[in-house]
């Protein structure tokens, strides 16, 4: 039996360790935000545009992680929700003259509505069957967009005017758009993190891990699974709206099946059941194909495949999972060393 003094002295140490971990997590988040704020001033305008695209993909991947990583519903059709958000924003700006900053929320809500409607029949499907149904949506969406040419511009798409910074703010267009996307990214990640930490988030994870037990505990499986589809589509639709605003152009061929496949690849590489993994996945989607092209013009996809294999071999749980494992091992090693020193 341990002495009372030993137990009492151990409790504050555990509290301090917990506070220490939480403190360093907040420090790392603050440092990451500071780096993101200063980044546009350290790279060229083209790199700023690339990082803006990576941030947009990160928002879309956050939505996919909520659905697939935390709720266990496999989706190969999130490029369709991305397209819905992009076209909703483009139509509001081009046809109705709505300011770009007022199109983001309606675009997300349009994607949310489609996600809920699609999630209802998807309740009867699981696993690969659900993946095939969502893949069919990704295949059909570009053709569907070409049909309503009066609103969508048909195969030619819609050309938009990229917004510039206010006259009183001496900043270029690329940096201005970067900061707009960064604000949306921070809000999305704050909202997503709070959602996953809430009762709803715990219910989503319970449905993923033990659906029968979750139903026995009184969790409404159809409701939560449908909401997961809708919220996931909401984030992806917001990302699509930001993509339309940043690029100034939308066309059906921009939202092909490969975009949906890229989303699932980025989600797995970044860490499919993590929030921070969406950032690493967005960086992978944006930069690895370009790096592969620079290495070999003749066989870029072979290089891309080698990168993908390398990531999966070294980091089977994704980049975020790899970092988390290393942090846990370091903490355990430090606690073991402290315990040995205390003896």
Protein backbone atom coordinates (compact mmCIF):
# COMPACT_ATOMS: atom_id res chain seq x y z
CA UNK A 1 0.00 0.00 0.00
CA UNK A 2 1.29 3.46 -0.89
CA UNK A 3 1.84 5.96 1.84
CA UNK A 4 -0.73 8.79 2.12
CA UNK A 5 1.99 11.35 1.49
CA UNK A 6 2.94 9.63 -1.77
CA UNK A 7 -0.66 9.73 -3.03
CA UNK A 8 -1.11 13.39 -2.07
CA UNK A 9 2.14 14.41 -3.74
CA UNK A 10 1.26 12.48 -6.91
CA UNK A 11 -2.06 14.25 -7.44
CA UNK A 12 -0.61 17.76 -7.92
CA UNK A 13 2.03 16.29 -10.23
CA UNK A 14 -0.70 14.81 -12.44
CA UNK A 15 -2.55 18.12 -12.48
CA UNK A 16 0.63 19.95 -13.40
CA UNK A 17 1.33 17.44 -16.19
CA UNK A 18 -2.19 17.94 -17.55
CA UNK A 19 -1.90 21.70 -17.36
CA UNK A 20 1.50 21.47 -19.00
CA UNK A 21 0.12 19.47 -21.95
CA UNK A 22 -2.82 21.84 -22.38
CA UNK A 23 -0.54 24.85 -22.10
CA UNK A 24 1.83 23.60 -24.78
CA UNK A 25 -1.06 22.69 -27.05
CA UNK A 26 -2.31 26.27 -26.84
CA UNK A 27 1.19 27.59 -27.42
CA UNK A 28 1.55 25.46 -30.55
CA UNK A 29 -1.83 26.64 -31.86
CA UNK A 30 -0.90 30.29 -31.22
CA UNK A 31 2.48 29.75 -32.91
CA UNK A 32 0.82 28.11 -35.93
CA UNK A 33 -1.63 31.02 -36.26
CA UNK A 34 1.20 33.55 -36.00
CA UNK A 35 3.18 31.74 -38.70
CA UNK A 36 0.07 31.65 -40.91
CA UNK A 37 -0.44 35.41 -40.45
CA UNK A 38 3.16 36.24 -41.33
CA UNK A 39 3.55 33.69 -44.13
CA UNK A 40 2.27 35.85 -47.04
CA UNK A 41 5.01 38.39 -46.43
CA UNK A 42 7.77 35.79 -46.69
CA UNK A 43 6.83 34.16 -50.01
CA UNK A 44 5.94 35.21 -53.55
CA UNK A 45 2.40 36.01 -54.74
CA UNK A 46 2.20 32.65 -56.50
CA UNK A 47 3.10 30.83 -53.29
CA UNK A 48 0.51 32.90 -51.43
CA UNK A 49 -2.09 31.70 -53.92
CA UNK A 50 -0.98 28.09 -53.39
CA UNK A 51 -1.20 28.38 -49.62
CA UNK A 52 -4.64 29.96 -50.02
CA UNK A 53 -5.75 26.94 -52.04
CA UNK A 54 -4.28 24.60 -49.41
CA UNK A 55 -6.28 26.40 -46.70
CA UNK A 56 -9.46 26.04 -48.78
CA UNK A 57 -8.83 22.32 -49.17
CA UNK A 58 -8.24 22.08 -45.42
CA UNK A 59 -11.76 23.40 -44.75
CA UNK A 60 -13.20 20.85 -47.18
CA UNK A 61 -11.18 18.05 -45.58
CA UNK A 62 -12.40 19.06 -42.14
CA UNK A 63 -15.93 18.39 -43.36
CA UNK A 64 -14.89 15.03 -44.80
CA UNK A 65 -13.08 14.10 -41.59
CA UNK A 66 -16.24 14.77 -39.57
CA UNK A 67 -18.23 12.43 -41.80
CA UNK A 68 -15.72 9.67 -42.50
CA UNK A 69 -13.23 9.91 -39.65
CA UNK A 70 -15.59 10.64 -36.76
CA UNK A 71 -18.85 9.11 -37.99
CA UNK A 72 -17.54 6.24 -40.12
CA UNK A 73 -19.48 7.04 -43.33
CA UNK A 74 -17.24 6.70 -46.37
CA UNK A 75 -17.75 9.39 -49.00
CA UNK A 76 -16.15 9.54 -52.44
CA UNK A 77 -18.42 12.35 -53.60
CA UNK A 78 -17.42 15.41 -51.65
CA UNK A 79 -16.28 17.09 -54.83
CA UNK A 80 -20.01 17.46 -55.58
CA UNK A 81 -20.61 19.45 -52.38
CA UNK A 82 -17.51 21.51 -53.22
CA UNK A 83 -19.07 22.24 -56.63
CA UNK A 84 -22.44 23.14 -55.12
CA UNK A 85 -20.80 25.68 -52.82
CA UNK A 86 -18.69 27.11 -55.64
CA UNK A 87 -21.58 27.46 -58.07
CA UNK A 88 -23.93 28.86 -55.43
CA UNK A 89 -21.43 31.63 -54.66
CA UNK A 90 -20.72 32.23 -58.36
CA UNK A 91 -24.40 32.50 -59.29
CA UNK A 92 -25.11 34.86 -56.41
CA UNK A 93 -22.21 37.11 -57.43
CA UNK A 94 -22.57 36.92 -61.22
CA UNK A 95 -26.34 36.75 -61.68
CA UNK A 96 -27.67 38.58 -58.63
CA UNK A 97 -24.83 40.99 -57.85
CA UNK A 98 -24.42 39.84 -54.24
CA UNK A 99 -21.11 40.94 -52.60
CA UNK A 100 -18.68 38.05 -52.34
CA UNK A 101 -18.53 38.07 -48.54
CA UNK A 102 -22.32 37.58 -48.36
CA UNK A 103 -22.25 34.49 -50.58
CA UNK A 104 -20.22 32.22 -48.29
CA UNK A 105 -22.94 31.37 -45.77
CA UNK A 106 -25.71 30.82 -48.40
CA UNK A 107 -23.34 28.60 -50.39
CA UNK A 108 -22.62 26.54 -47.30
CA UNK A 109 -26.34 26.28 -46.50
CA UNK A 110 -27.09 25.13 -50.07
CA UNK A 111 -24.51 22.37 -49.70
CA UNK A 112 -25.93 21.56 -46.25
CA UNK A 113 -29.44 21.12 -47.69
CA UNK A 114 -28.19 18.82 -50.45
CA UNK A 115 -26.10 16.90 -47.91
CA UNK A 116 -29.12 16.31 -45.67
CA UNK A 117 -31.27 15.23 -48.62
CA UNK A 118 -28.55 12.89 -49.80
CA UNK A 119 -27.94 11.59 -46.30
CA UNK A 120 -31.52 10.37 -45.91
CA UNK A 121 -31.39 7.59 -48.54
CA UNK A 122 -27.77 6.89 -47.60
CA UNK A 123 -28.96 5.72 -44.18
CA UNK A 124 -29.78 2.36 -45.71
CA UNK A 125 -26.23 1.88 -46.95
CA UNK A 126 -22.89 1.33 -45.27
CA UNK A 127 -19.26 0.81 -46.16
CA UNK A 128 -18.39 0.27 -49.80
CA UNK A 129 -22.03 0.49 -50.89
CA UNK A 130 -22.27 4.01 -49.51
CA UNK A 131 -18.92 4.86 -51.10
CA UNK A 132 -20.21 3.76 -54.53
CA UNK A 133 -23.39 5.83 -54.15
CA UNK A 134 -21.42 8.94 -53.21
CA UNK A 135 -19.06 8.24 -56.12
CA UNK A 136 -22.05 8.28 -58.45
CA UNK A 137 -22.91 11.75 -57.18
CA UNK A 138 -19.38 12.94 -57.97
CA UNK A 139 -19.66 11.48 -61.49
CA UNK A 140 -23.09 12.97 -62.19
CA UNK A 141 -22.57 16.48 -60.80
CA UNK A 142 -20.38 17.90 -63.65
CA UNK A 143 -22.90 16.68 -66.25
CA UNK A 144 -25.77 18.08 -64.21
CA UNK A 145 -24.08 21.48 -64.05
CA UNK A 146 -23.68 21.56 -67.84
CA UNK A 147 -27.41 21.04 -68.32
CA UNK A 148 -28.61 24.27 -66.68
CA UNK A 149 -26.48 26.51 -68.86
CA UNK A 150 -28.60 29.63 -68.22
CA UNK A 151 -27.54 29.66 -64.58
CA UNK A 152 -24.28 27.70 -64.62
CA UNK A 153 -22.84 28.86 -67.94
CA UNK A 154 -22.83 25.34 -69.31
CA UNK A 155 -19.47 23.87 -70.26
CA UNK A 156 -17.90 27.35 -70.34
CA UNK A 157 -18.62 27.98 -66.67
CA UNK A 158 -18.84 31.39 -65.02
CA UNK A 159 -16.07 33.98 -65.00
CA UNK A 160 -15.96 36.10 -61.87
CA UNK A 161 -14.16 39.26 -60.88
CA UNK A 162 -11.73 38.52 -58.08
CA UNK A 163 -12.27 40.88 -55.14
CA UNK A 164 -9.54 43.32 -54.20
CA UNK A 165 -8.61 44.81 -50.85
CA UNK A 166 -10.26 48.07 -49.73
CA UNK A 167 -8.58 51.23 -50.96
CA UNK A 168 -7.55 52.22 -47.44
CA UNK A 169 -5.65 48.94 -46.98
CA UNK A 170 -2.27 48.83 -48.81
CA UNK A 171 -2.24 45.10 -49.58
CA UNK A 172 -2.27 43.11 -52.81
CA UNK A 173 -5.21 41.05 -54.02
CA UNK A 174 -3.52 37.69 -53.37
CA UNK A 175 -2.65 38.53 -49.77
CA UNK A 176 -6.10 40.00 -49.17
CA UNK A 177 -7.77 36.80 -50.36
CA UNK A 178 -5.33 34.74 -48.30
CA UNK A 179 -6.36 36.52 -45.12
CA UNK A 180 -10.04 36.17 -46.01
CA UNK A 181 -9.60 32.42 -46.37
CA UNK A 182 -7.50 32.27 -43.20
CA UNK A 183 -10.33 33.87 -41.21
CA UNK A 184 -12.81 31.35 -42.62
CA UNK A 185 -10.36 28.54 -41.84
CA UNK A 186 -9.96 29.59 -38.22
CA UNK A 187 -13.72 29.96 -37.72
CA UNK A 188 -14.35 26.57 -39.35
CA UNK A 189 -11.76 24.81 -37.23
CA UNK A 190 -13.01 26.47 -34.06
CA UNK A 191 -16.58 25.42 -34.85
CA UNK A 192 -15.55 21.91 -35.89
CA UNK A 193 -13.44 21.36 -32.77
CA UNK A 194 -16.25 22.51 -30.48
CA UNK A 195 -18.75 20.31 -32.31
CA UNK A 196 -16.57 17.22 -31.97
CA UNK A 197 -15.93 17.90 -28.28
CA UNK A 198 -19.64 18.28 -27.57
CA UNK A 199 -22.31 15.67 -26.91
CA UNK A 200 -23.00 15.53 -30.64
CA UNK A 201 -19.38 14.73 -31.40
CA UNK A 202 -19.33 11.95 -28.82
CA UNK A 203 -22.51 10.54 -30.35
CA UNK A 204 -20.93 10.53 -33.82
CA UNK A 205 -17.92 8.61 -32.53
CA UNK A 206 -20.15 6.16 -30.66
CA UNK A 207 -22.10 5.47 -33.85
CA UNK A 208 -18.84 4.89 -35.71
CA UNK A 209 -17.39 2.49 -33.13
CA UNK A 210 -20.45 0.63 -31.80
CA UNK A 211 -23.68 1.47 -33.67
CA UNK A 212 -25.73 -1.21 -31.93
CA UNK A 213 -24.57 -0.09 -28.49
CA UNK A 214 -25.16 3.54 -29.45
CA UNK A 215 -28.74 2.75 -30.45
CA UNK A 216 -29.25 0.83 -27.21
CA UNK A 217 -28.08 3.89 -25.26
CA UNK A 218 -30.80 5.98 -26.89
CA UNK A 219 -28.77 7.71 -29.61
CA UNK A 220 -30.93 8.47 -32.65
CA UNK A 221 -28.79 6.93 -35.40
CA UNK A 222 -30.74 8.26 -38.44
CA UNK A 223 -30.77 11.79 -37.02
CA UNK A 224 -27.08 11.94 -36.18
CA UNK A 225 -25.93 10.24 -39.38
CA UNK A 226 -28.03 12.61 -41.48
CA UNK A 227 -26.75 15.63 -39.53
CA UNK A 228 -23.19 14.38 -40.02
CA UNK A 229 -23.76 14.36 -43.78
CA UNK A 230 -25.27 17.84 -43.66
CA UNK A 231 -22.56 19.39 -41.48
CA UNK A 232 -19.84 17.75 -43.56
CA UNK A 233 -21.40 19.15 -46.73
CA UNK A 234 -21.71 22.56 -45.04
CA UNK A 235 -17.96 22.82 -44.46
CA UNK A 236 -17.17 21.53 -47.94
CA UNK A 237 -19.64 23.93 -49.54
CA UNK A 238 -18.06 26.87 -47.72
CA UNK A 239 -14.70 25.72 -49.04
CA UNK A 240 -16.14 25.54 -52.55
CA UNK A 241 -17.46 29.09 -52.26
CA UNK A 242 -14.05 30.36 -51.16
CA UNK A 243 -12.43 28.48 -54.07
CA UNK A 244 -14.75 30.21 -56.54
CA UNK A 245 -13.98 33.61 -55.01
CA UNK A 246 -10.21 33.06 -54.97
CA UNK A 247 -9.86 31.62 -58.47
CA UNK A 248 -12.52 33.86 -60.03
CA UNK A 249 -13.84 31.02 -62.16
CA UNK A 250 -16.05 27.94 -61.93
CA UNK A 251 -16.62 25.27 -64.57
CA UNK A 252 -18.00 21.72 -64.45
CA UNK A 253 -14.68 20.16 -65.39
CA UNK A 254 -13.07 21.76 -62.33
CA UNK A 255 -15.14 19.47 -60.11
CA UNK A 256 -14.48 16.08 -61.67
CA UNK A 257 -14.19 12.72 -59.95
CA UNK A 258 -10.49 13.18 -59.34
CA UNK A 259 -11.25 16.08 -56.99
CA UNK A 260 -13.37 13.80 -54.79
CA UNK A 261 -10.64 11.15 -54.83
CA UNK A 262 -8.07 13.81 -53.93
CA UNK A 263 -10.18 14.77 -50.93
CA UNK A 264 -10.25 11.23 -49.55
CA UNK A 265 -6.50 10.87 -50.22
CA UNK A 266 -5.76 14.14 -48.41
CA UNK A 267 -7.98 13.11 -45.51
CA UNK A 268 -6.16 9.79 -45.07
CA UNK A 269 -2.68 11.30 -45.49
CA UNK A 270 -3.39 14.11 -43.04
CA UNK A 271 -5.13 11.94 -40.45
CA UNK A 272 -8.70 10.90 -41.10
CA UNK A 273 -9.99 11.03 -37.51
CA UNK A 274 -8.30 14.29 -36.54
CA UNK A 275 -9.03 17.99 -36.84
CA UNK A 276 -5.47 19.17 -37.47
CA UNK A 277 -4.99 16.44 -40.07
CA UNK A 278 -7.15 18.46 -42.47
CA UNK A 279 -4.41 21.10 -42.67
CA UNK A 280 -1.72 18.56 -43.54
CA UNK A 281 -4.06 16.95 -46.05
CA UNK A 282 -4.75 20.29 -47.71
CA UNK A 283 -1.03 20.94 -48.05
CA UNK A 284 -0.57 17.46 -49.55
CA UNK A 285 -3.34 17.98 -52.14
CA UNK A 286 -1.99 21.34 -53.21
CA UNK A 287 1.77 20.83 -53.23
CA UNK A 288 2.59 17.16 -53.84
CA UNK A 289 1.23 17.05 -57.43
CA UNK A 290 3.26 20.19 -58.25
CA UNK A 291 6.38 18.68 -56.71
CA UNK A 292 5.79 15.49 -58.69
CA UNK A 293 5.54 17.53 -61.91
CA UNK A 294 8.79 19.30 -61.10
CA UNK A 295 10.59 16.00 -60.48
CA UNK A 296 9.37 14.31 -63.65
CA UNK A 297 7.37 15.79 -66.52
CA UNK A 298 7.15 12.38 -68.18
CA UNK A 299 5.69 10.41 -65.28
CA UNK A 300 4.33 12.81 -62.62
CA UNK A 301 1.66 10.39 -61.39
CA UNK A 302 4.25 7.71 -60.79
CA UNK A 303 6.10 10.15 -58.54
CA UNK A 304 2.81 11.10 -56.89
CA UNK A 305 2.11 7.43 -56.21
CA UNK A 306 5.55 6.98 -54.68
CA UNK A 307 4.94 9.96 -52.39
CA UNK A 308 1.60 8.48 -51.36
CA UNK A 309 3.11 5.06 -50.67
CA UNK A 310 5.90 6.66 -48.66
CA UNK A 311 3.48 8.64 -46.51
CA UNK A 312 1.32 5.59 -45.85
CA UNK A 313 4.30 3.40 -45.01
CA UNK A 314 5.93 5.88 -42.62
CA UNK A 315 2.73 7.40 -41.23
CA UNK A 316 -0.11 4.83 -41.45
CA UNK A 317 -2.29 6.97 -39.16
CA UNK A 318 -1.62 10.13 -41.13
CA UNK A 319 0.65 13.06 -40.41
CA UNK A 320 -1.41 14.24 -37.44
CA UNK A 321 -1.52 10.74 -35.99
CA UNK A 322 2.23 10.38 -36.43
CA UNK A 323 2.88 13.66 -34.60
CA UNK A 324 0.47 12.67 -31.82
CA UNK A 325 2.19 9.30 -31.35
CA UNK A 326 5.60 10.95 -31.17
CA UNK A 327 4.30 13.47 -28.63
CA UNK A 328 2.84 10.68 -26.46
CA UNK A 329 6.08 8.71 -26.59
CA UNK A 330 8.09 11.78 -25.66
CA UNK A 331 5.76 12.51 -22.73
CA UNK A 332 5.95 8.92 -21.52
CA UNK A 333 9.73 8.92 -21.78
CA UNK A 334 9.92 12.18 -19.84
CA UNK A 335 7.56 10.91 -17.12
CA UNK A 336 9.58 7.69 -16.87
CA UNK A 337 12.80 9.66 -16.56
CA UNK A 338 11.26 11.91 -13.90
CA UNK A 339 10.04 8.85 -11.97
CA UNK A 340 13.49 7.26 -12.12
CA UNK A 341 15.06 10.50 -10.94
CA UNK A 342 12.57 10.77 -8.06
CA UNK A 343 13.56 7.31 -6.85
